[in-house]
Every structure is written in structure tokens, then in C-alpha cells.
C-alpha atoms as a PDB file:
ATOM      1  CA  UNK A   1     121.049 -38.362  28.753  1.00  0.00           C
ATOM      2  CA  UNK A   2     124.448 -38.598  30.405  1.00  0.00           C
ATOM      3  CA  UNK A   3     127.077 -40.768  28.711  1.00  0.00           C
ATOM      4  CA  UNK A   4     130.381 -41.630  30.377  1.00  0.00           C
ATOM      5  CA  UNK A   5     133.371 -42.857  28.390  1.00  0.00           C
ATOM      6  CA  UNK A   6     135.926 -45.074  30.152  1.00  0.00           C
ATOM      7  CA  UNK A   7     135.494 -43.233  33.472  1.00  0.00           C
ATOM      8  CA  UNK A   8     137.446 -40.354  31.964  1.00  0.00           C
ATOM      9  CA  UNK A   9     134.919 -38.282  30.059  1.00  0.00           C
ATOM     10  CA  UNK A  10     131.297 -37.378  30.667  1.00  0.00           C
ATOM     11  CA  UNK A  11     128.882 -36.099  28.039  1.00  0.00           C
ATOM     12  CA  UNK A  12     125.495 -34.610  28.786  1.00  0.00           C
ATOM     13  CA  UNK A  13     122.974 -34.435  25.974  1.00  0.00           C
ATOM     14  CA  UNK A  14     119.925 -32.691  27.464  1.00  0.00           C
ATOM     15  CA  UNK A  15     118.127 -31.886  24.208  1.00  0.00           C
ATOM     16  CA  UNK A  16     119.436 -34.570  21.863  1.00  0.00           C
ATOM     17  CA  UNK A  17     117.665 -37.227  19.887  1.00  0.00           C
ATOM     18  CA  UNK A  18     119.306 -40.555  20.689  1.00  0.00           C
ATOM     19  CA  UNK A  19     118.825 -43.829  18.841  1.00  0.00           C
ATOM     20  CA  UNK A  20     120.248 -47.313  19.285  1.00  0.00           C
ATOM     21  CA  UNK A  21     120.965 -49.840  16.555  1.00  0.00           C
ATOM     22  CA  UNK A  22     120.587 -53.363  17.974  1.00  0.00           C
ATOM     23  CA  UNK A  23     122.556 -56.197  16.369  1.00  0.00           C
ATOM     24  CA  UNK A  24     122.881 -59.826  17.490  1.00  0.00           C
ATOM     25  CA  UNK A  25     126.189 -59.217  19.269  1.00  0.00           C
ATOM     26  CA  UNK A  26     126.416 -55.477  19.886  1.00  0.00           C
ATOM     27  CA  UNK A  27     124.642 -52.170  20.234  1.00  0.00           C
ATOM     28  CA  UNK A  28     125.589 -48.854  18.670  1.00  0.00           C
ATOM     29  CA  UNK A  29     124.129 -45.801  20.367  1.00  0.00           C
ATOM     30  CA  UNK A  30     123.847 -42.823  18.066  1.00  0.00           C
ATOM     31  CA  UNK A  31     123.350 -39.209  19.045  1.00  0.00           C
ATOM     32  CA  UNK A  32     121.317 -38.178  16.029  1.00  0.00           C
ATOM     33  CA  UNK A  33     120.486 -34.571  16.762  1.00  0.00           C
ATOM     34  CA  UNK A  34     121.811 -31.882  17.043  1.00  0.00           C
ATOM     35  CA  UNK A  35     125.236 -33.427  16.433  1.00  0.00           C
ATOM     36  CA  UNK A  36     125.989 -36.904  15.193  1.00  0.00           C
ATOM     37  CA  UNK A  37     128.114 -39.114  17.462  1.00  0.00           C
ATOM     38  CA  UNK A  38     128.247 -42.858  17.891  1.00  0.00           C
ATOM     39  CA  UNK A  39     129.098 -44.853  21.025  1.00  0.00           C
ATOM     40  CA  UNK A  40     129.569 -48.526  21.881  1.00  0.00           C
ATOM     41  CA  UNK A  41     127.893 -49.379  25.236  1.00  0.00           C
ATOM     42  CA  UNK A  42     130.039 -50.782  28.014  1.00  0.00           C
ATOM     43  CA  UNK A  43     129.806 -54.366  29.220  1.00  0.00           C
ATOM     44  CA  UNK A  44     126.890 -55.398  27.027  1.00  0.00           C
ATOM     45  CA  UNK A  45     128.418 -58.805  26.283  1.00  0.00           C
ATOM     46  CA  UNK A  46     128.664 -59.686  29.972  1.00  0.00           C
ATOM     47  CA  UNK A  47     125.119 -58.574  30.691  1.00  0.00           C
ATOM     48  CA  UNK A  48     123.868 -60.267  27.518  1.00  0.00           C
ATOM     49  CA  UNK A  49     125.404 -63.575  28.643  1.00  0.00           C
ATOM     50  CA  UNK A  50     123.829 -63.180  32.074  1.00  0.00           C
ATOM     51  CA  UNK A  51     120.416 -62.413  30.593  1.00  0.00           C
ATOM     52  CA  UNK A  52     120.613 -65.352  28.193  1.00  0.00           C
ATOM     53  CA  UNK A  53     121.322 -67.713  31.090  1.00  0.00           C
ATOM     54  CA  UNK A  54     118.337 -66.407  33.051  1.00  0.00           C
ATOM     55  CA  UNK A  55     116.007 -66.060  30.030  1.00  0.00           C
ATOM     56  CA  UNK A  56     117.172 -68.663  27.477  1.00  0.00           C
ATOM     57  CA  UNK A  57     114.004 -68.218  25.388  1.00  0.00           C
ATOM     58  CA  UNK A  58     114.855 -64.579  24.613  1.00  0.00           C
ATOM     59  CA  UNK A  59     116.795 -63.619  21.499  1.00  0.00           C
ATOM     60  CA  UNK A  60     120.074 -61.706  21.823  1.00  0.00           C
ATOM     61  CA  UNK A  61     118.423 -58.680  20.198  1.00  0.00           C
ATOM     62  CA  UNK A  62     115.608 -58.745  22.738  1.00  0.00           C
ATOM     63  CA  UNK A  63     118.058 -58.920  25.633  1.00  0.00           C
ATOM     64  CA  UNK A  64     120.203 -56.105  24.239  1.00  0.00           C
ATOM     65  CA  UNK A  65     117.105 -53.991  23.682  1.00  0.00           C
ATOM     66  CA  UNK A  66     116.218 -54.465  27.348  1.00  0.00           C
ATOM     67  CA  UNK A  67     119.698 -53.369  28.449  1.00  0.00           C
ATOM     68  CA  UNK A  68     119.607 -50.213  26.329  1.00  0.00           C
ATOM     69  CA  UNK A  69     116.004 -49.394  27.214  1.00  0.00           C
ATOM     70  CA  UNK A  70     116.878 -49.533  30.915  1.00  0.00           C
ATOM     71  CA  UNK A  71     119.846 -47.213  30.334  1.00  0.00           C
ATOM     72  CA  UNK A  72     117.651 -44.782  28.387  1.00  0.00           C
ATOM     73  CA  UNK A  73     114.998 -44.809  31.109  1.00  0.00           C
ATOM     74  CA  UNK A  74     117.669 -44.078  33.701  1.00  0.00           C
ATOM     75  CA  UNK A  75     119.106 -41.385  31.374  1.00  0.00           C
ATOM     76  CA  UNK A  76     122.608 -42.768  32.012  1.00  0.00           C
ATOM     77  CA  UNK A  77     124.779 -44.927  29.780  1.00  0.00           C
ATOM     78  CA  UNK A  78     128.357 -46.132  30.170  1.00  0.00           C
ATOM     79  CA  UNK A  79     130.275 -46.712  26.974  1.00  0.00           C
ATOM     80  CA  UNK A  80     133.629 -48.181  26.015  1.00  0.00           C
ATOM     81  CA  UNK A  81     134.497 -45.673  23.352  1.00  0.00           C
ATOM     82  CA  UNK A  82     133.328 -43.255  20.781  1.00  0.00           C
ATOM     83  CA  UNK A  83     132.854 -45.201  17.556  1.00  0.00           C
ATOM     84  CA  UNK A  84     134.195 -43.773  14.337  1.00  0.00           C
END
């Protein structure tokens, strides 16, 4: 998985376990192993709004899960910042 932060830093986690916590309004991506880091994905609110307009029957969590799943499948994720 490659994670870019604000177009200024790139992380590559080739052997890491990565999890995502999905909330109604945000996602937190957590590098669980071998080191613990947390990131906030970039632009999720914009994409969530777009998805909700196209698929109004879907819940916000379902739409956010789709966004993160696609990023995981592509092994590339843009994030706003490293969460503390």
C-alpha cells in the first residue's frame, strides 16, 4: 500500500496490516502492523456527497466503505494528514 500525504510525503507499506474504521462522516485508516499509524483519507466528503447523489438508497457508511475498498484494491490512498 502506498499512502501520500498532502502531495509532500509518500509512505510505502509493503508488508503492513492495514485497517479502516468507517464512521458516518469520516474514515480513519490505521496501519496496524508492524507500526501503528493513523491517517485521514483525502476528499472523502466530496466523493461521499457525489455517491449519495447517485445512490441515494446507500448509507454513508456503505459509500465510504466503497471508497476505501477501491483505494485498498488499487493499493494507493491519498490522505490529508497523519492523525494523532
